[in-house]
PDB file of N, CA and C in Angstrom:
ATOM      1  N   MET A   1       0.523   3.684 -17.011  1.00  0.00           N
ATOM      2  CA  MET A   1       1.111   3.299 -18.287  1.00  0.00           C
ATOM      3  C   MET A   1       1.747   4.528 -18.922  1.00  0.00           C
ATOM      4  N   SER A   2       2.908   4.344 -19.492  1.00  0.00           N
ATOM      5  CA  SER A   2       3.606   5.475 -20.080  1.00  0.00           C
ATOM      6  C   SER A   2       3.365   5.534 -21.584  1.00  0.00           C
ATOM      7  N   GLU A   3       3.481   6.719 -22.110  1.00  0.00           N
ATOM      8  CA  GLU A   3       3.313   6.946 -23.543  1.00  0.00           C
ATOM      9  C   GLU A   3       4.682   6.859 -24.207  1.00  0.00           C
ATOM     10  N   THR A   4       4.742   6.098 -25.290  1.00  0.00           N
ATOM     11  CA  THR A   4       6.011   5.896 -25.983  1.00  0.00           C
ATOM     12  C   THR A   4       6.286   7.025 -26.967  1.00  0.00           C
ATOM     13  N   ILE A   5       7.528   7.497 -26.971  1.00  0.00           N
ATOM     14  CA  ILE A   5       7.973   8.437 -27.986  1.00  0.00           C
ATOM     15  C   ILE A   5       8.172   7.623 -29.258  1.00  0.00           C
ATOM     16  N   ALA A   6       7.635   8.096 -30.378  1.00  0.00           N
ATOM     17  CA  ALA A   6       7.568   7.323 -31.621  1.00  0.00           C
ATOM     18  C   ALA A   6       8.924   6.863 -32.151  1.00  0.00           C
ATOM     19  N   MET A   7       9.928   7.715 -32.191  1.00  0.00           N
ATOM     20  CA  MET A   7      11.209   7.368 -32.796  1.00  0.00           C
ATOM     21  C   MET A   7      12.095   6.635 -31.788  1.00  0.00           C
ATOM     22  N   PRO A   8      12.434   5.350 -32.053  1.00  0.00           N
ATOM     23  CA  PRO A   8      13.313   4.637 -31.120  1.00  0.00           C
ATOM     24  C   PRO A   8      14.737   5.179 -31.192  1.00  0.00           C
ATOM     25  N   LEU A   9      15.473   4.982 -30.132  1.00  0.00           N
ATOM     26  CA  LEU A   9      16.885   5.364 -30.084  1.00  0.00           C
ATOM     27  C   LEU A   9      17.685   4.136 -30.519  1.00  0.00           C
ATOM     28  N   ASP A  10      18.202   4.176 -31.737  1.00  0.00           N
ATOM     29  CA  ASP A  10      18.900   3.035 -32.326  1.00  0.00           C
ATOM     30  C   ASP A  10      20.392   3.164 -32.044  1.00  0.00           C
ATOM     31  N   LEU A  11      20.901   2.273 -31.198  1.00  0.00           N
ATOM     32  CA  LEU A  11      22.297   2.305 -30.788  1.00  0.00           C
ATOM     33  C   LEU A  11      23.150   1.275 -31.518  1.00  0.00           C
ATOM     34  N   ARG A  12      22.537   0.528 -32.424  1.00  0.00           N
ATOM     35  CA  ARG A  12      23.287  -0.514 -33.134  1.00  0.00           C
ATOM     36  C   ARG A  12      24.451   0.111 -33.902  1.00  0.00           C
ATOM     37  N   GLY A  13      25.641  -0.410 -33.641  1.00  0.00           N
ATOM     38  CA  GLY A  13      26.845   0.083 -34.303  1.00  0.00           C
ATOM     39  C   GLY A  13      27.442   1.327 -33.661  1.00  0.00           C
ATOM     40  N   THR A  14      26.850   1.817 -32.582  1.00  0.00           N
ATOM     41  CA  THR A  14      27.341   3.019 -31.896  1.00  0.00           C
ATOM     42  C   THR A  14      28.364   2.612 -30.833  1.00  0.00           C
ATOM     43  N   PRO A  15      29.504   3.281 -30.761  1.00  0.00           N
ATOM     44  CA  PRO A  15      30.495   2.978 -29.717  1.00  0.00           C
ATOM     45  C   PRO A  15      29.882   3.102 -28.314  1.00  0.00           C
ATOM     46  N   ALA A  16      30.354   2.262 -27.390  1.00  0.00           N
ATOM     47  CA  ALA A  16      29.764   2.158 -26.051  1.00  0.00           C
ATOM     48  C   ALA A  16      29.644   3.491 -25.321  1.00  0.00           C
ATOM     49  N   LEU A  17      30.700   4.284 -25.278  1.00  0.00           N
ATOM     50  CA  LEU A  17      30.642   5.557 -24.543  1.00  0.00           C
ATOM     51  C   LEU A  17      29.661   6.535 -25.184  1.00  0.00           C
ATOM     52  N   THR A  18      29.609   6.543 -26.499  1.00  0.00           N
ATOM     53  CA  THR A  18      28.655   7.407 -27.204  1.00  0.00           C
ATOM     54  C   THR A  18      27.235   6.945 -26.930  1.00  0.00           C
ATOM     55  N   ALA A  19      27.011   5.626 -26.958  1.00  0.00           N
ATOM     56  CA  ALA A  19      25.679   5.079 -26.691  1.00  0.00           C
ATOM     57  C   ALA A  19      25.215   5.435 -25.286  1.00  0.00           C
ATOM     58  N   GLN A  20      26.099   5.310 -24.314  1.00  0.00           N
ATOM     59  CA  GLN A  20      25.747   5.651 -22.929  1.00  0.00           C
ATOM     60  C   GLN A  20      25.337   7.117 -22.820  1.00  0.00           C
ATOM     61  N   GLN A  21      26.097   7.990 -23.442  1.00  0.00           N
ATOM     62  CA  GLN A  21      25.796   9.422 -23.373  1.00  0.00           C
ATOM     63  C   GLN A  21      24.469   9.737 -24.058  1.00  0.00           C
ATOM     64  N   LEU A  22      24.208   9.108 -25.201  1.00  0.00           N
ATOM     65  CA  LEU A  22      22.941   9.327 -25.908  1.00  0.00           C
ATOM     66  C   LEU A  22      21.748   8.915 -25.046  1.00  0.00           C
ATOM     67  N   VAL A  23      21.856   7.756 -24.405  1.00  0.00           N
ATOM     68  CA  VAL A  23      20.754   7.272 -23.561  1.00  0.00           C
ATOM     69  C   VAL A  23      20.567   8.168 -22.346  1.00  0.00           C
ATOM     70  N   LEU A  24      21.650   8.549 -21.700  1.00  0.00           N
ATOM     71  CA  LEU A  24      21.531   9.419 -20.522  1.00  0.00           C
ATOM     72  C   LEU A  24      20.912  10.763 -20.881  1.00  0.00           C
ATOM     73  N   ASN A  25      21.321  11.340 -21.996  1.00  0.00           N
ATOM     74  CA  ASN A  25      20.751  12.617 -22.420  1.00  0.00           C
ATOM     75  C   ASN A  25      19.262  12.492 -22.708  1.00  0.00           C
ATOM     76  N   LYS A  26      18.888  11.412 -23.409  1.00  0.00           N
ATOM     77  CA  LYS A  26      17.482  11.212 -23.743  1.00  0.00           C
ATOM     78  C   LYS A  26      16.659  10.963 -22.481  1.00  0.00           C
ATOM     79  N   ALA A  27      17.183  10.162 -21.564  1.00  0.00           N
ATOM     80  CA  ALA A  27      16.476   9.854 -20.324  1.00  0.00           C
ATOM     81  C   ALA A  27      16.299  11.102 -19.461  1.00  0.00           C
ATOM     82  N   LYS A  28      17.331  11.911 -19.358  1.00  0.00           N
ATOM     83  CA  LYS A  28      17.248  13.129 -18.535  1.00  0.00           C
ATOM     84  C   LYS A  28      16.240  14.122 -19.095  1.00  0.00           C
ATOM     85  N   SER A  29      16.050  14.130 -20.414  1.00  0.00           N
ATOM     86  CA  SER A  29      15.108  15.070 -21.020  1.00  0.00           C
ATOM     87  C   SER A  29      13.687  14.489 -21.120  1.00  0.00           C
ATOM     88  N   LEU A  30      13.533  13.239 -20.730  1.00  0.00           N
ATOM     89  CA  LEU A  30      12.240  12.567 -20.823  1.00  0.00           C
ATOM     90  C   LEU A  30      11.260  13.130 -19.797  1.00  0.00           C
ATOM     91  N   GLN A  31      10.072  13.441 -20.238  1.00  0.00           N
ATOM     92  CA  GLN A  31       9.040  13.936 -19.334  1.00  0.00           C
ATOM     93  C   GLN A  31       8.463  12.779 -18.535  1.00  0.00           C
ATOM     94  N   GLN A  32       7.955  13.079 -17.350  1.00  0.00           N
ATOM     95  CA  GLN A  32       7.362  12.048 -16.503  1.00  0.00           C
ATOM     96  C   GLN A  32       6.167  11.421 -17.214  1.00  0.00           C
ATOM     97  N   GLY A  33       6.055  10.099 -17.093  1.00  0.00           N
ATOM     98  CA  GLY A  33       4.976   9.367 -17.722  1.00  0.00           C
ATOM     99  C   GLY A  33       5.239   9.018 -19.179  1.00  0.00           C
ATOM    100  N   LYS A  34       6.413   9.367 -19.694  1.00  0.00           N
ATOM    101  CA  LYS A  34       6.768   9.094 -21.087  1.00  0.00           C
ATOM    102  C   LYS A  34       7.814   7.985 -21.147  1.00  0.00           C
ATOM    103  N   SER A  35       7.999   7.433 -22.327  1.00  0.00           N
ATOM    104  CA  SER A  35       9.004   6.397 -22.503  1.00  0.00           C
ATOM    105  C   SER A  35       9.537   6.413 -23.929  1.00  0.00           C
ATOM    106  N   PHE A  36      10.613   5.700 -24.135  1.00  0.00           N
ATOM    107  CA  PHE A  36      11.159   5.524 -25.468  1.00  0.00           C
ATOM    108  C   PHE A  36      11.732   4.112 -25.560  1.00  0.00           C
ATOM    109  N   GLN A  37      11.885   3.618 -26.777  1.00  0.00           N
ATOM    110  CA  GLN A  37      12.504   2.322 -26.980  1.00  0.00           C
ATOM    111  C   GLN A  37      13.940   2.526 -27.413  1.00  0.00           C
ATOM    112  N   LEU A  38      14.808   1.698 -26.853  1.00  0.00           N
ATOM    113  CA  LEU A  38      16.181   1.726 -27.310  1.00  0.00           C
ATOM    114  C   LEU A  38      16.472   0.395 -27.983  1.00  0.00           C
ATOM    115  N   LEU A  39      17.182   0.464 -29.088  1.00  0.00           N
ATOM    116  CA  LEU A  39      17.555  -0.707 -29.874  1.00  0.00           C
ATOM    117  C   LEU A  39      19.060  -0.879 -29.777  1.00  0.00           C
ATOM    118  N   SER A  40      19.500  -2.111 -29.586  1.00  0.00           N
ATOM    119  CA  SER A  40      20.932  -2.369 -29.442  1.00  0.00           C
ATOM    120  C   SER A  40      21.285  -3.698 -30.094  1.00  0.00           C
ATOM    121  N   ASP A  41      22.542  -3.832 -30.516  1.00  0.00           N
ATOM    122  CA  ASP A  41      23.003  -5.086 -31.091  1.00  0.00           C
ATOM    123  C   ASP A  41      23.657  -5.983 -30.032  1.00  0.00           C
ATOM    124  N   HIS A  42      23.592  -5.557 -28.773  1.00  0.00           N
ATOM    125  CA  HIS A  42      24.056  -6.368 -27.645  1.00  0.00           C
ATOM    126  C   HIS A  42      23.194  -6.024 -26.435  1.00  0.00           C
ATOM    127  N   ASP A  43      23.262  -6.841 -25.406  1.00  0.00           N
ATOM    128  CA  ASP A  43      22.462  -6.619 -24.206  1.00  0.00           C
ATOM    129  C   ASP A  43      22.860  -5.276 -23.565  1.00  0.00           C
ATOM    130  N   PRO A  44      21.927  -4.325 -23.455  1.00  0.00           N
ATOM    131  CA  PRO A  44      22.245  -2.998 -22.914  1.00  0.00           C
ATOM    132  C   PRO A  44      22.178  -2.925 -21.382  1.00  0.00           C
ATOM    133  N   LYS A  45      22.470  -4.030 -20.702  1.00  0.00           N
ATOM    134  CA  LYS A  45      22.361  -4.058 -19.241  1.00  0.00           C
ATOM    135  C   LYS A  45      23.235  -3.006 -18.565  1.00  0.00           C
ATOM    136  N   ASP A  46      24.398  -2.690 -19.151  1.00  0.00           N
ATOM    137  CA  ASP A  46      25.276  -1.665 -18.571  1.00  0.00           C
ATOM    138  C   ASP A  46      24.619  -0.286 -18.642  1.00  0.00           C
ATOM    139  N   ILE A  47      23.924  -0.020 -19.729  1.00  0.00           N
ATOM    140  CA  ILE A  47      23.220   1.263 -19.885  1.00  0.00           C
ATOM    141  C   ILE A  47      22.045   1.344 -18.921  1.00  0.00           C
ATOM    142  N   LEU A  48      21.330   0.227 -18.744  1.00  0.00           N
ATOM    143  CA  LEU A  48      20.197   0.217 -17.808  1.00  0.00           C
ATOM    144  C   LEU A  48      20.680   0.425 -16.375  1.00  0.00           C
ATOM    145  N   GLN A  49      21.864  -0.083 -16.067  1.00  0.00           N
ATOM    146  CA  GLN A  49      22.442   0.138 -14.736  1.00  0.00           C
ATOM    147  C   GLN A  49      22.733   1.625 -14.519  1.00  0.00           C
ATOM    148  N   LEU A  50      23.216   2.307 -15.563  1.00  0.00           N
ATOM    149  CA  LEU A  50      23.455   3.750 -15.468  1.00  0.00           C
ATOM    150  C   LEU A  50      22.150   4.499 -15.192  1.00  0.00           C
ATOM    151  N   LEU A  51      21.067   4.073 -15.837  1.00  0.00           N
ATOM    152  CA  LEU A  51      19.775   4.732 -15.614  1.00  0.00           C
ATOM    153  C   LEU A  51      19.312   4.581 -14.170  1.00  0.00           C
ATOM    154  N   LYS A  52      19.574   3.436 -13.578  1.00  0.00           N
ATOM    155  CA  LYS A  52      19.216   3.230 -12.168  1.00  0.00           C
ATOM    156  C   LYS A  52      19.947   4.239 -11.293  1.00  0.00           C
ATOM    157  N   GLY A  53      21.147   4.632 -11.715  1.00  0.00           N
ATOM    158  CA  GLY A  53      21.909   5.618 -10.970  1.00  0.00           C
ATOM    159  C   GLY A  53      21.282   7.006 -10.993  1.00  0.00           C
ATOM    160  N   LEU A  54      20.387   7.238 -11.971  1.00  0.00           N
ATOM    161  CA  LEU A  54      19.691   8.529 -12.038  1.00  0.00           C
ATOM    162  C   LEU A  54      18.570   8.617 -11.021  1.00  0.00           C
ATOM    163  N   GLY A  55      18.145   7.494 -10.485  1.00  0.00           N
ATOM    164  CA  GLY A  55      17.081   7.491  -9.483  1.00  0.00           C
ATOM    165  C   GLY A  55      16.016   6.461  -9.793  1.00  0.00           C
ATOM    166  N   ALA A  56      15.093   6.329  -8.879  1.00  0.00           N
ATOM    167  CA  ALA A  56      14.046   5.318  -8.983  1.00  0.00           C
ATOM    168  C   ALA A  56      12.980   5.665 -10.006  1.00  0.00           C
ATOM    169  N   ASP A  57      13.067   6.839 -10.612  1.00  0.00           N
ATOM    170  CA  ASP A  57      12.052   7.249 -11.580  1.00  0.00           C
ATOM    171  C   ASP A  57      12.131   6.477 -12.886  1.00  0.00           C
ATOM    172  N   PHE A  58      13.255   5.825 -13.172  1.00  0.00           N
ATOM    173  CA  PHE A  58      13.448   5.170 -14.460  1.00  0.00           C
ATOM    174  C   PHE A  58      13.288   3.667 -14.373  1.00  0.00           C
ATOM    175  N   ASN A  59      12.723   3.102 -15.435  1.00  0.00           N
ATOM    176  CA  ASN A  59      12.514   1.669 -15.520  1.00  0.00           C
ATOM    177  C   ASN A  59      12.878   1.205 -16.922  1.00  0.00           C
ATOM    178  N   GLY A  60      13.554   0.083 -17.029  1.00  0.00           N
ATOM    179  CA  GLY A  60      13.866  -0.505 -18.328  1.00  0.00           C
ATOM    180  C   GLY A  60      13.242  -1.883 -18.419  1.00  0.00           C
ATOM    181  N   GLU A  61      12.420  -2.100 -19.441  1.00  0.00           N
ATOM    182  CA  GLU A  61      11.735  -3.379 -19.611  1.00  0.00           C
ATOM    183  C   GLU A  61      12.112  -3.972 -20.967  1.00  0.00           C
ATOM    184  N   TYR A  62      12.701  -5.176 -20.926  1.00  0.00           N
ATOM    185  CA  TYR A  62      13.089  -5.842 -22.162  1.00  0.00           C
ATOM    186  C   TYR A  62      11.846  -6.227 -22.956  1.00  0.00           C
ATOM    187  N   ARG A  63      11.832  -5.877 -24.238  1.00  0.00           N
ATOM    188  CA  ARG A  63      10.757  -6.261 -25.152  1.00  0.00           C
ATOM    189  C   ARG A  63      11.245  -7.319 -26.134  1.00  0.00           C
ATOM    190  N   GLU A  64      12.557  -7.340 -26.377  1.00  0.00           N
ATOM    191  CA  GLU A  64      13.189  -8.323 -27.252  1.00  0.00           C
ATOM    192  C   GLU A  64      14.597  -8.548 -26.709  1.00  0.00           C
ATOM    193  N   SER A  65      14.997  -9.815 -26.599  1.00  0.00           N
ATOM    194  CA  SER A  65      16.281 -10.137 -25.967  1.00  0.00           C
ATOM    195  C   SER A  65      17.191 -10.950 -26.867  1.00  0.00           C
ATOM    196  N   GLY A  66      17.664 -10.347 -27.943  1.00  0.00           N
ATOM    197  CA  GLY A  66      18.679 -10.923 -28.812  1.00  0.00           C
ATOM    198  C   GLY A  66      18.285 -12.224 -29.478  1.00  0.00           C
ATOM    199  N   PRO A  67      19.207 -12.870 -30.131  1.00  0.00           N
ATOM    200  CA  PRO A  67      20.625 -12.550 -30.148  1.00  0.00           C
ATOM    201  C   PRO A  67      21.007 -11.472 -31.165  1.00  0.00           C
ATOM    202  N   ALA A  68      20.156 -11.208 -32.151  1.00  0.00           N
ATOM    203  CA  ALA A  68      20.510 -10.208 -33.167  1.00  0.00           C
ATOM    204  C   ALA A  68      20.212  -8.789 -32.712  1.00  0.00           C
ATOM    205  N   MET A  69      19.146  -8.618 -31.932  1.00  0.00           N
ATOM    206  CA  MET A  69      18.774  -7.270 -31.498  1.00  0.00           C
ATOM    207  C   MET A  69      18.094  -7.336 -30.133  1.00  0.00           C
ATOM    208  N   TRP A  70      18.383  -6.318 -29.323  1.00  0.00           N
ATOM    209  CA  TRP A  70      17.706  -6.125 -28.044  1.00  0.00           C
ATOM    210  C   TRP A  70      16.868  -4.867 -28.178  1.00  0.00           C
ATOM    211  N   ARG A  71      15.639  -4.941 -27.664  1.00  0.00           N
ATOM    212  CA  ARG A  71      14.724  -3.799 -27.669  1.00  0.00           C
ATOM    213  C   ARG A  71      14.259  -3.614 -26.218  1.00  0.00           C
ATOM    214  N   VAL A  72      14.512  -2.421 -25.684  1.00  0.00           N
ATOM    215  CA  VAL A  72      14.174  -2.139 -24.290  1.00  0.00           C
ATOM    216  C   VAL A  72      13.302  -0.892 -24.225  1.00  0.00           C
ATOM    217  N   GLN A  73      12.207  -0.982 -23.488  1.00  0.00           N
ATOM    218  CA  GLN A  73      11.320   0.150 -23.252  1.00  0.00           C
ATOM    219  C   GLN A  73      11.830   0.871 -22.007  1.00  0.00           C
ATOM    220  N   VAL A  74      12.287   2.100 -22.166  1.00  0.00           N
ATOM    221  CA  VAL A  74      12.780   2.904 -21.046  1.00  0.00           C
ATOM    222  C   VAL A  74      11.700   3.905 -20.690  1.00  0.00           C
ATOM    223  N   SER A  75      11.266   3.881 -19.435  1.00  0.00           N
ATOM    224  CA  SER A  75      10.168   4.733 -18.987  1.00  0.00           C
ATOM    225  C   SER A  75      10.582   5.589 -17.802  1.00  0.00           C
ATOM    226  N   LYS A  76       9.964   6.745 -17.743  1.00  0.00           N
ATOM    227  CA  LYS A  76      10.118   7.608 -16.571  1.00  0.00           C
ATOM    228  C   LYS A  76       8.758   7.651 -15.894  1.00  0.00           C
ATOM    229  N   ARG A  77       8.726   7.217 -14.672  1.00  0.00           N
ATOM    230  CA  ARG A  77       7.451   7.113 -13.945  1.00  0.00           C
ATOM    231  C   ARG A  77       6.787   8.469 -13.784  1.00  0.00           C
ATOM    232  N   ALA A  78       5.464   8.436 -13.842  1.00  0.00           N
ATOM    233  CA  ALA A  78       4.673   9.639 -13.611  1.00  0.00           C
ATOM    234  C   ALA A  78       4.610   9.916 -12.119  1.00  0.00           C
ATOM    235  N   VAL A  79       4.502  11.165 -11.770  1.00  0.00           N
ATOM    236  CA  VAL A  79       4.350  11.555 -10.371  1.00  0.00           C
ATOM    237  C   VAL A  79       2.937  11.206  -9.931  1.00  0.00           C
ATOM    238  N   GLU A  80       2.852  10.513  -8.808  1.00  0.00           N
ATOM    239  CA  GLU A  80       1.532  10.176  -8.279  1.00  0.00           C
ATOM    240  C   GLU A  80       0.981  11.382  -7.535  1.00  0.00           C
ATOM    241  N   THR A  81      -0.292  11.664  -7.802  1.00  0.00           N
ATOM    242  CA  THR A  81      -0.938  12.765  -7.117  1.00  0.00           C
ATOM    243  C   THR A  81      -2.049  12.243  -6.240  1.00  0.00           C
ATOM    244  N   SER A  82      -2.374  12.972  -5.244  1.00  0.00           N
ATOM    245  CA  SER A  82      -3.420  12.570  -4.298  1.00  0.00           C
ATOM    246  C   SER A  82      -4.606  13.506  -4.438  1.00  0.00           C
ATOM    247  N   ASN A  83      -5.773  12.954  -4.362  1.00  0.00           N
ATOM    248  CA  ASN A  83      -7.002  13.755  -4.371  1.00  0.00           C
ATOM    249  C   ASN A  83      -7.401  14.166  -2.965  1.00  0.00           C
ATOM    250  N   CYS A  84      -6.608  13.815  -2.009  1.00  0.00           N
ATOM    251  CA  CYS A  84      -6.906  14.101  -0.612  1.00  0.00           C
ATOM    252  C   CYS A  84      -6.753  15.596  -0.332  1.00  0.00           C
ATOM    253  N   CYS A  85      -7.707  16.169   0.336  1.00  0.00           N
ATOM    254  CA  CYS A  85      -7.685  17.606   0.602  1.00  0.00           C
ATOM    255  C   CYS A  85      -6.618  18.005   1.617  1.00  0.00           C
ATOM    256  N   SER A  86      -6.043  17.017   2.333  1.00  0.00           N
ATOM    257  CA  SER A  86      -5.043  17.365   3.341  1.00  0.00           C
ATOM    258  C   SER A  86      -3.623  17.130   2.827  1.00  0.00           C
ATOM    259  N   GLY A  87      -3.477  17.036   1.501  1.00  0.00           N
ATOM    260  CA  GLY A  87      -2.143  16.875   0.942  1.00  0.00           C
ATOM    261  C   GLY A  87      -1.553  15.496   1.133  1.00  0.00           C
ATOM    262  N   GLY A  88      -2.402  14.504   1.288  1.00  0.00           N
ATOM    263  CA  GLY A  88      -1.926  13.131   1.421  1.00  0.00           C
ATOM    264  C   GLY A  88      -1.901  12.616   2.838  1.00  0.00           C
ATOM    265  N   ALA A  89      -2.337  13.399   3.798  1.00  0.00           N
ATOM    266  CA  ALA A  89      -2.343  12.975   5.189  1.00  0.00           C
ATOM    267  C   ALA A  89      -3.763  12.592   5.623  1.00  0.00           C
ATOM    268  N   CYS A  90      -4.437  11.845   4.786  1.00  0.00           N
ATOM    269  CA  CYS A  90      -5.826  11.445   5.087  1.00  0.00           C
ATOM    270  C   CYS A  90      -5.874  10.500   6.280  1.00  0.00           C
ATOM    271  N   CYS A  91      -6.913  10.658   7.046  1.00  0.00           N
ATOM    272  CA  CYS A  91      -7.087   9.827   8.239  1.00  0.00           C
ATOM    273  C   CYS A  91      -8.063   8.685   7.993  1.00  0.00           C
ATOM    274  N   GLY A  92      -8.647   8.655   6.821  1.00  0.00           N
ATOM    275  CA  GLY A  92      -9.525   7.544   6.532  1.00  0.00           C
ATOM    276  C   GLY A  92     -10.878   8.006   6.422  1.00  0.00           C
TER     277      GLY A  92
END
């Protein structure tokens, strides 16, 4: 489970290119295991597609789906660690 950053990124009324840049900057600076909410006045599916382009570490989960507002939880997955003494090559 990821920890949410308290202040949501409110994109309502923000031009599309500016909104995309704001989300990409915030996502790139996001620490692993953390998340933030983005608010939009339209479906941010185009922005979520851009995040997928950054790699499999990012996930967007709709929390509210319009019609007046969309709220999406954007998370950066935590790195999984192994307790195995052989660095993950356990034989059982």
